[in-house]
Amino acid sequence: MVETRLPERDVYIADADLAFRSAVASSLETQGYHVTLFSDGPSLLAATRHHVPGCILLDADVSGSTGSDLLNELGHRVTAPIVIMADDANVEMAVSAMKKGAKDFMAKPLVADAVAGRVREALAEKRPGNGSSPNVVSVPGGDRLTPREREVLQRISAGASNKEAGRQLGISPRTVEVHRARIMEKIGARNTADLVRIVYSASF
C-alpha cells in the first residue's frame, strides 16, 4: 500500500547554515512532518513552483537573493504560512515581513526546537492577508493596556520610531520608550521585533 503524504505536513526550510536547518528538520521529523532543505533562495523558489508545502521557514539572509525579495514573491503566490528568521532583527524588518505576508518573525540566534514549535503553530493557524493593519486590541494581554499604551503600540506596530510615534501622539520619545517597556512587560515580548510579531500574529 502506497502511503499518501499530506501537503500540510510538508515543510520547506531555506537557510545557509546546514547544521541549523538539519537540527530544525530533525525536530520536526520526530513530530511526523516531512522536511525538505534548501541552502539558497532560488532553489526554494523553484521548488514552490512545482509543489506548495504546508509551511515555509525562510532565513532573511539566505544566499542567492534577499529574504525580502523572496518573501515578496512567495507572499503573492503561495498560500502556505511563511516563518521568517533574521540576524540583527529590528522593528522595521519585522513590520515589513509581516506586511509582505509572513506569518511569523523570529530573531536569531535561535534554538532548533523553539523554531520547530513556531512552525507547528504556524501550520495550525490561518495565514494573515498581505498588507493588513494590526489590531492591538486582539493581542494577548491587550486588555491590560491603557488607552495611551494602545496608541503607542499601534504606531510601533506600524513601523514608527520612538521619535515618530512621539511626534504623532504629542509626547516625547523618552515617554514612548517608557510606554513601550510597560507594553512589552504586559504582553510578554522579549524585544520590539518580538512585540511586532505578537501583534501581527494575533491580529489575523
C-alpha atoms as a PDB file:
ATOM      1  CA  MET A   1       0.000   0.000   0.000  1.00  0.00           C
ATOM      2  CA  VAL A   2       1.388   3.387  -1.034  1.00  0.00           C
ATOM      3  CA  GLU A   3       1.494   5.948   1.778  1.00  0.00           C
ATOM      4  CA  THR A   4      -0.302   9.191   0.973  1.00  0.00           C
ATOM      5  CA  ARG A   5       1.604  12.234   2.132  1.00  0.00           C
ATOM      6  CA  LEU A   6      -0.448  15.233   3.168  1.00  0.00           C
ATOM      7  CA  PRO A   7       0.796  18.574   1.739  1.00  0.00           C
ATOM      8  CA  GLU A   8       0.108  20.276   5.078  1.00  0.00           C
ATOM      9  CA  ARG A   9       2.698  18.005   6.690  1.00  0.00           C
ATOM     10  CA  ASP A  10       5.403  19.210   4.287  1.00  0.00           C
ATOM     11  CA  VAL A  11       7.823  21.889   5.461  1.00  0.00           C
ATOM     12  CA  TYR A  12      10.431  23.686   3.337  1.00  0.00           C
ATOM     13  CA  ILE A  13      13.431  25.165   5.166  1.00  0.00           C
ATOM     14  CA  ALA A  14      15.805  27.616   3.450  1.00  0.00           C
ATOM     15  CA  ASP A  15      18.879  28.538   5.495  1.00  0.00           C
ATOM     16  CA  ALA A  16      22.578  28.648   4.604  1.00  0.00           C
ATOM     17  CA  ASP A  17      23.559  27.035   7.918  1.00  0.00           C
ATOM     18  CA  LEU A  18      23.486  23.269   7.294  1.00  0.00           C
ATOM     19  CA  ALA A  19      23.780  22.316  10.968  1.00  0.00           C
ATOM     20  CA  PHE A  20      20.939  24.618  11.984  1.00  0.00           C
ATOM     21  CA  ARG A  21      18.494  23.656   9.260  1.00  0.00           C
ATOM     22  CA  SER A  22      19.255  19.967   9.842  1.00  0.00           C
ATOM     23  CA  ALA A  23      18.574  20.347  13.567  1.00  0.00           C
ATOM     24  CA  VAL A  24      15.216  22.037  12.912  1.00  0.00           C
ATOM     25  CA  ALA A  25      14.356  19.349  10.368  1.00  0.00           C
ATOM     26  CA  SER A  26      15.177  16.597  12.859  1.00  0.00           C
ATOM     27  CA  SER A  27      12.917  18.186  15.475  1.00  0.00           C
ATOM     28  CA  LEU A  28      10.023  18.444  13.006  1.00  0.00           C
ATOM     29  CA  GLU A  29      10.500  14.962  11.591  1.00  0.00           C
ATOM     30  CA  THR A  30      10.129  13.413  15.042  1.00  0.00           C
ATOM     31  CA  GLN A  31       6.664  15.006  15.050  1.00  0.00           C
ATOM     32  CA  GLY A  32       5.732  13.391  11.756  1.00  0.00           C
ATOM     33  CA  TYR A  33       6.500  16.228   9.350  1.00  0.00           C
ATOM     34  CA  HIS A  34       8.268  15.719   6.015  1.00  0.00           C
ATOM     35  CA  VAL A  35      11.036  18.320   5.634  1.00  0.00           C
ATOM     36  CA  THR A  36      12.885  19.451   2.503  1.00  0.00           C
ATOM     37  CA  LEU A  37      16.045  21.519   2.974  1.00  0.00           C
ATOM     38  CA  PHE A  38      17.410  24.306   0.772  1.00  0.00           C
ATOM     39  CA  SER A  39      20.709  26.171   1.076  1.00  0.00           C
ATOM     40  CA  ASP A  40      19.725  29.058  -1.193  1.00  0.00           C
ATOM     41  CA  GLY A  41      16.730  31.112  -2.223  1.00  0.00           C
ATOM     42  CA  PRO A  42      16.484  30.261  -5.937  1.00  0.00           C
ATOM     43  CA  SER A  43      16.262  26.520  -5.188  1.00  0.00           C
ATOM     44  CA  LEU A  44      13.418  27.119  -2.740  1.00  0.00           C
ATOM     45  CA  LEU A  45      11.611  29.346  -5.214  1.00  0.00           C
ATOM     46  CA  ALA A  46      11.933  26.761  -7.996  1.00  0.00           C
ATOM     47  CA  ALA A  47      10.579  24.022  -5.725  1.00  0.00           C
ATOM     48  CA  THR A  48       7.468  26.024  -4.802  1.00  0.00           C
ATOM     49  CA  ARG A  49       6.580  26.341  -8.490  1.00  0.00           C
ATOM     50  CA  HIS A  50       6.029  22.581  -8.577  1.00  0.00           C
ATOM     51  CA  HIS A  51       4.739  21.939  -5.073  1.00  0.00           C
ATOM     52  CA  VAL A  52       3.490  24.241  -2.315  1.00  0.00           C
ATOM     53  CA  PRO A  53       4.274  22.841   1.158  1.00  0.00           C
ATOM     54  CA  GLY A  54       2.310  23.290   4.337  1.00  0.00           C
ATOM     55  CA  CYS A  55       4.801  25.826   5.699  1.00  0.00           C
ATOM     56  CA  ILE A  56       7.978  27.634   4.628  1.00  0.00           C
ATOM     57  CA  LEU A  57      10.784  28.544   7.040  1.00  0.00           C
ATOM     58  CA  LEU A  58      12.968  31.217   5.459  1.00  0.00           C
ATOM     59  CA  ASP A  59      16.159  32.886   6.639  1.00  0.00           C
ATOM     60  CA  ALA A  60      16.184  36.581   5.695  1.00  0.00           C
ATOM     61  CA  ASP A  61      19.820  36.329   4.598  1.00  0.00           C
ATOM     62  CA  VAL A  62      19.574  33.095   2.614  1.00  0.00           C
ATOM     63  CA  SER A  63      22.056  33.086  -0.264  1.00  0.00           C
ATOM     64  CA  GLY A  64      21.107  33.664  -3.894  1.00  0.00           C
ATOM     65  CA  SER A  65      18.667  36.502  -3.225  1.00  0.00           C
ATOM     66  CA  THR A  66      17.480  38.545  -0.280  1.00  0.00           C
ATOM     67  CA  GLY A  67      14.857  37.141   2.030  1.00  0.00           C
ATOM     68  CA  SER A  68      12.815  40.272   1.424  1.00  0.00           C
ATOM     69  CA  ASP A  69      12.696  39.661  -2.348  1.00  0.00           C
ATOM     70  CA  LEU A  70      11.849  36.007  -1.826  1.00  0.00           C
ATOM     71  CA  LEU A  71       9.119  36.820   0.656  1.00  0.00           C
ATOM     72  CA  ASN A  72       7.672  39.434  -1.686  1.00  0.00           C
ATOM     73  CA  GLU A  73       7.329  36.873  -4.479  1.00  0.00           C
ATOM     74  CA  LEU A  74       6.239  33.985  -2.281  1.00  0.00           C
ATOM     75  CA  GLY A  75       3.764  36.131  -0.362  1.00  0.00           C
ATOM     76  CA  HIS A  76       1.890  36.920  -3.554  1.00  0.00           C
ATOM     77  CA  ARG A  77       1.970  33.408  -4.975  1.00  0.00           C
ATOM     78  CA  VAL A  78       1.715  30.745  -2.265  1.00  0.00           C
ATOM     79  CA  THR A  79      -0.869  30.185   0.438  1.00  0.00           C
ATOM     80  CA  ALA A  80       1.495  28.425   2.859  1.00  0.00           C
ATOM     81  CA  PRO A  81       2.342  30.291   6.074  1.00  0.00           C
ATOM     82  CA  ILE A  82       5.883  31.687   5.950  1.00  0.00           C
ATOM     83  CA  VAL A  83       8.085  31.991   9.037  1.00  0.00           C
ATOM     84  CA  ILE A  84      10.976  34.454   8.691  1.00  0.00           C
ATOM     85  CA  MET A  85      14.226  34.274  10.697  1.00  0.00           C
ATOM     86  CA  ALA A  86      16.745  37.118  10.804  1.00  0.00           C
ATOM     87  CA  ASP A  87      20.022  38.200  12.349  1.00  0.00           C
ATOM     88  CA  ASP A  88      20.158  41.789  13.638  1.00  0.00           C
ATOM     89  CA  ALA A  89      16.360  41.910  13.588  1.00  0.00           C
ATOM     90  CA  ASN A  90      14.628  45.235  14.171  1.00  0.00           C
ATOM     91  CA  VAL A  91      11.090  46.564  14.228  1.00  0.00           C
ATOM     92  CA  GLU A  92      11.231  47.841  10.630  1.00  0.00           C
ATOM     93  CA  MET A  93      12.292  44.417   9.378  1.00  0.00           C
ATOM     94  CA  ALA A  94       9.537  42.696  11.358  1.00  0.00           C
ATOM     95  CA  VAL A  95       6.835  45.093  10.135  1.00  0.00           C
ATOM     96  CA  SER A  96       7.998  44.746   6.527  1.00  0.00           C
ATOM     97  CA  ALA A  97       7.993  40.947   6.729  1.00  0.00           C
ATOM     98  CA  MET A  98       4.502  40.820   8.222  1.00  0.00           C
ATOM     99  CA  LYS A  99       3.106  43.242   5.634  1.00  0.00           C
ATOM    100  CA  LYS A 100       4.573  41.129   2.816  1.00  0.00           C
ATOM    101  CA  GLY A 101       2.768  38.065   4.086  1.00  0.00           C
ATOM    102  CA  ALA A 102       4.945  36.431   6.735  1.00  0.00           C
ATOM    103  CA  LYS A 103       3.006  34.527   9.375  1.00  0.00           C
ATOM    104  CA  ASP A 104       5.753  34.762  11.981  1.00  0.00           C
ATOM    105  CA  PHE A 105       9.073  36.504  12.543  1.00  0.00           C
ATOM    106  CA  MET A 106      11.939  35.250  14.701  1.00  0.00           C
ATOM    107  CA  ALA A 107      15.178  36.973  15.704  1.00  0.00           C
ATOM    108  CA  LYS A 108      18.359  34.853  15.677  1.00  0.00           C
ATOM    109  CA  PRO A 109      20.160  33.226  17.431  1.00  0.00           C
ATOM    110  CA  LEU A 110      17.537  30.520  17.787  1.00  0.00           C
ATOM    111  CA  VAL A 111      17.159  27.084  19.337  1.00  0.00           C
ATOM    112  CA  ALA A 112      16.075  24.446  16.809  1.00  0.00           C
ATOM    113  CA  ASP A 113      13.255  23.052  18.972  1.00  0.00           C
ATOM    114  CA  ALA A 114      11.840  26.548  19.504  1.00  0.00           C
ATOM    115  CA  VAL A 115      11.818  27.167  15.748  1.00  0.00           C
ATOM    116  CA  ALA A 116      10.103  23.828  15.144  1.00  0.00           C
ATOM    117  CA  GLY A 117       7.480  24.795  17.709  1.00  0.00           C
ATOM    118  CA  ARG A 118       6.726  28.036  15.916  1.00  0.00           C
ATOM    119  CA  VAL A 119       6.468  26.211  12.597  1.00  0.00           C
ATOM    120  CA  ARG A 120       3.891  23.864  14.135  1.00  0.00           C
ATOM    121  CA  GLU A 121       1.967  26.872  15.442  1.00  0.00           C
ATOM    122  CA  ALA A 122       2.032  28.499  12.004  1.00  0.00           C
ATOM    123  CA  LEU A 123       0.676  25.316  10.430  1.00  0.00           C
ATOM    124  CA  ALA A 124      -2.153  25.264  12.933  1.00  0.00           C
ATOM    125  CA  GLU A 125      -3.241  28.822  12.226  1.00  0.00           C
ATOM    126  CA  LYS A 126      -4.577  30.675   9.232  1.00  0.00           C
ATOM    127  CA  ARG A 127      -2.037  32.766   7.414  1.00  0.00           C
ATOM    128  CA  PRO A 128      -2.675  36.555   7.539  1.00  0.00           C
ATOM    129  CA  GLY A 129      -3.595  38.546   4.496  1.00  0.00           C
ATOM    130  CA  ASN A 130      -0.958  40.785   2.931  1.00  0.00           C
ATOM    131  CA  GLY A 131      -0.880  44.447   3.840  1.00  0.00           C
ATOM    132  CA  SER A 132      -3.459  44.262   6.607  1.00  0.00           C
ATOM    133  CA  SER A 133      -3.222  46.588   9.588  1.00  0.00           C
ATOM    134  CA  PRO A 134      -2.668  45.084  13.032  1.00  0.00           C
ATOM    135  CA  ASN A 135      -5.397  45.094  15.661  1.00  0.00           C
ATOM    136  CA  VAL A 136      -3.740  45.759  19.013  1.00  0.00           C
ATOM    137  CA  VAL A 137      -6.929  45.019  20.952  1.00  0.00           C
ATOM    138  CA  SER A 138      -6.758  41.336  19.989  1.00  0.00           C
ATOM    139  CA  VAL A 139      -3.226  40.874  21.369  1.00  0.00           C
ATOM    140  CA  PRO A 140      -2.992  38.522  24.365  1.00  0.00           C
ATOM    141  CA  GLY A 141      -2.708  40.860  27.322  1.00  0.00           C
ATOM    142  CA  GLY A 142      -4.014  43.750  25.248  1.00  0.00           C
ATOM    143  CA  ASP A 143      -6.905  44.231  27.649  1.00  0.00           C
ATOM    144  CA  ARG A 144      -4.347  45.210  30.300  1.00  0.00           C
ATOM    145  CA  LEU A 145      -3.034  48.108  28.240  1.00  0.00           C
ATOM    146  CA  THR A 146      -4.083  51.675  28.942  1.00  0.00           C
ATOM    147  CA  PRO A 147      -5.599  53.717  26.079  1.00  0.00           C
ATOM    148  CA  ARG A 148      -2.286  55.566  25.670  1.00  0.00           C
ATOM    149  CA  GLU A 149      -0.319  52.318  25.619  1.00  0.00           C
ATOM    150  CA  ARG A 150      -2.605  51.029  22.872  1.00  0.00           C
ATOM    151  CA  GLU A 151      -1.949  54.175  20.862  1.00  0.00           C
ATOM    152  CA  VAL A 152       1.794  53.731  21.284  1.00  0.00           C
ATOM    153  CA  LEU A 153       1.601  50.047  20.368  1.00  0.00           C
ATOM    154  CA  GLN A 154      -0.453  50.819  17.249  1.00  0.00           C
ATOM    155  CA  ARG A 155       2.203  53.202  15.985  1.00  0.00           C
ATOM    156  CA  ILE A 156       5.154  50.970  16.878  1.00  0.00           C
ATOM    157  CA  SER A 157       3.466  48.068  15.091  1.00  0.00           C
ATOM    158  CA  ALA A 158       3.067  50.248  12.016  1.00  0.00           C
ATOM    159  CA  GLY A 159       6.849  50.762  11.972  1.00  0.00           C
ATOM    160  CA  ALA A 160       7.124  54.175  13.603  1.00  0.00           C
ATOM    161  CA  SER A 161      10.293  55.023  15.530  1.00  0.00           C
ATOM    162  CA  ASN A 162      10.103  56.393  19.079  1.00  0.00           C
ATOM    163  CA  LYS A 163      10.601  59.877  17.687  1.00  0.00           C
ATOM    164  CA  GLU A 164       7.907  59.461  15.025  1.00  0.00           C
ATOM    165  CA  ALA A 165       5.441  57.917  17.481  1.00  0.00           C
ATOM    166  CA  GLY A 166       6.099  60.707  19.967  1.00  0.00           C
ATOM    167  CA  ARG A 167       5.527  63.366  17.340  1.00  0.00           C
ATOM    168  CA  GLN A 168       2.264  61.748  16.235  1.00  0.00           C
ATOM    169  CA  LEU A 169       0.999  61.473  19.817  1.00  0.00           C
ATOM    170  CA  GLY A 170       2.377  64.764  21.103  1.00  0.00           C
ATOM    171  CA  ILE A 171       4.689  63.152  23.666  1.00  0.00           C
ATOM    172  CA  SER A 172       8.471  62.865  23.985  1.00  0.00           C
ATOM    173  CA  PRO A 173      10.471  59.912  22.567  1.00  0.00           C
ATOM    174  CA  ARG A 174      11.515  59.103  26.123  1.00  0.00           C
ATOM    175  CA  THR A 175       7.860  58.801  27.165  1.00  0.00           C
ATOM    176  CA  VAL A 176       7.288  56.480  24.213  1.00  0.00           C
ATOM    177  CA  GLU A 177      10.183  54.324  25.475  1.00  0.00           C
ATOM    178  CA  VAL A 178       8.605  54.120  28.932  1.00  0.00           C
ATOM    179  CA  HIS A 179       5.235  53.119  27.453  1.00  0.00           C
ATOM    180  CA  ARG A 180       6.922  50.566  25.187  1.00  0.00           C
ATOM    181  CA  ALA A 181       8.715  48.954  28.130  1.00  0.00           C
ATOM    182  CA  ARG A 182       5.432  48.635  30.027  1.00  0.00           C
ATOM    183  CA  ILE A 183       3.666  47.244  26.945  1.00  0.00           C
ATOM    184  CA  MET A 184       6.371  44.611  26.440  1.00  0.00           C
ATOM    185  CA  GLU A 185       6.128  43.570  30.085  1.00  0.00           C
ATOM    186  CA  LYS A 186       2.338  43.227  29.950  1.00  0.00           C
ATOM    187  CA  ILE A 187       2.330  41.324  26.655  1.00  0.00           C
ATOM    188  CA  GLY A 188       5.423  39.225  27.333  1.00  0.00           C
ATOM    189  CA  ALA A 189       7.557  40.365  24.390  1.00  0.00           C
ATOM    190  CA  ARG A 190      11.337  39.857  24.527  1.00  0.00           C
ATOM    191  CA  ASN A 191      12.170  42.820  22.298  1.00  0.00           C
ATOM    192  CA  THR A 192      10.469  45.266  19.939  1.00  0.00           C
ATOM    193  CA  ALA A 193      10.677  42.949  16.928  1.00  0.00           C
ATOM    194  CA  ASP A 194       9.060  40.207  19.004  1.00  0.00           C
ATOM    195  CA  LEU A 195       6.386  42.702  20.076  1.00  0.00           C
ATOM    196  CA  VAL A 196       5.525  43.414  16.438  1.00  0.00           C
ATOM    197  CA  ARG A 197       5.408  39.695  15.687  1.00  0.00           C
ATOM    198  CA  ILE A 198       2.980  39.091  18.558  1.00  0.00           C
ATOM    199  CA  VAL A 199       0.714  41.914  17.413  1.00  0.00           C
ATOM    200  CA  TYR A 200       0.545  40.776  13.797  1.00  0.00           C
ATOM    201  CA  SER A 201       0.171  37.107  14.675  1.00  0.00           C
ATOM    202  CA  ALA A 202      -2.752  37.862  16.987  1.00  0.00           C
ATOM    203  CA  SER A 203      -4.474  40.179  14.531  1.00  0.00           C
ATOM    204  CA  PHE A 204      -5.432  37.559  11.946  1.00  0.00           C
END
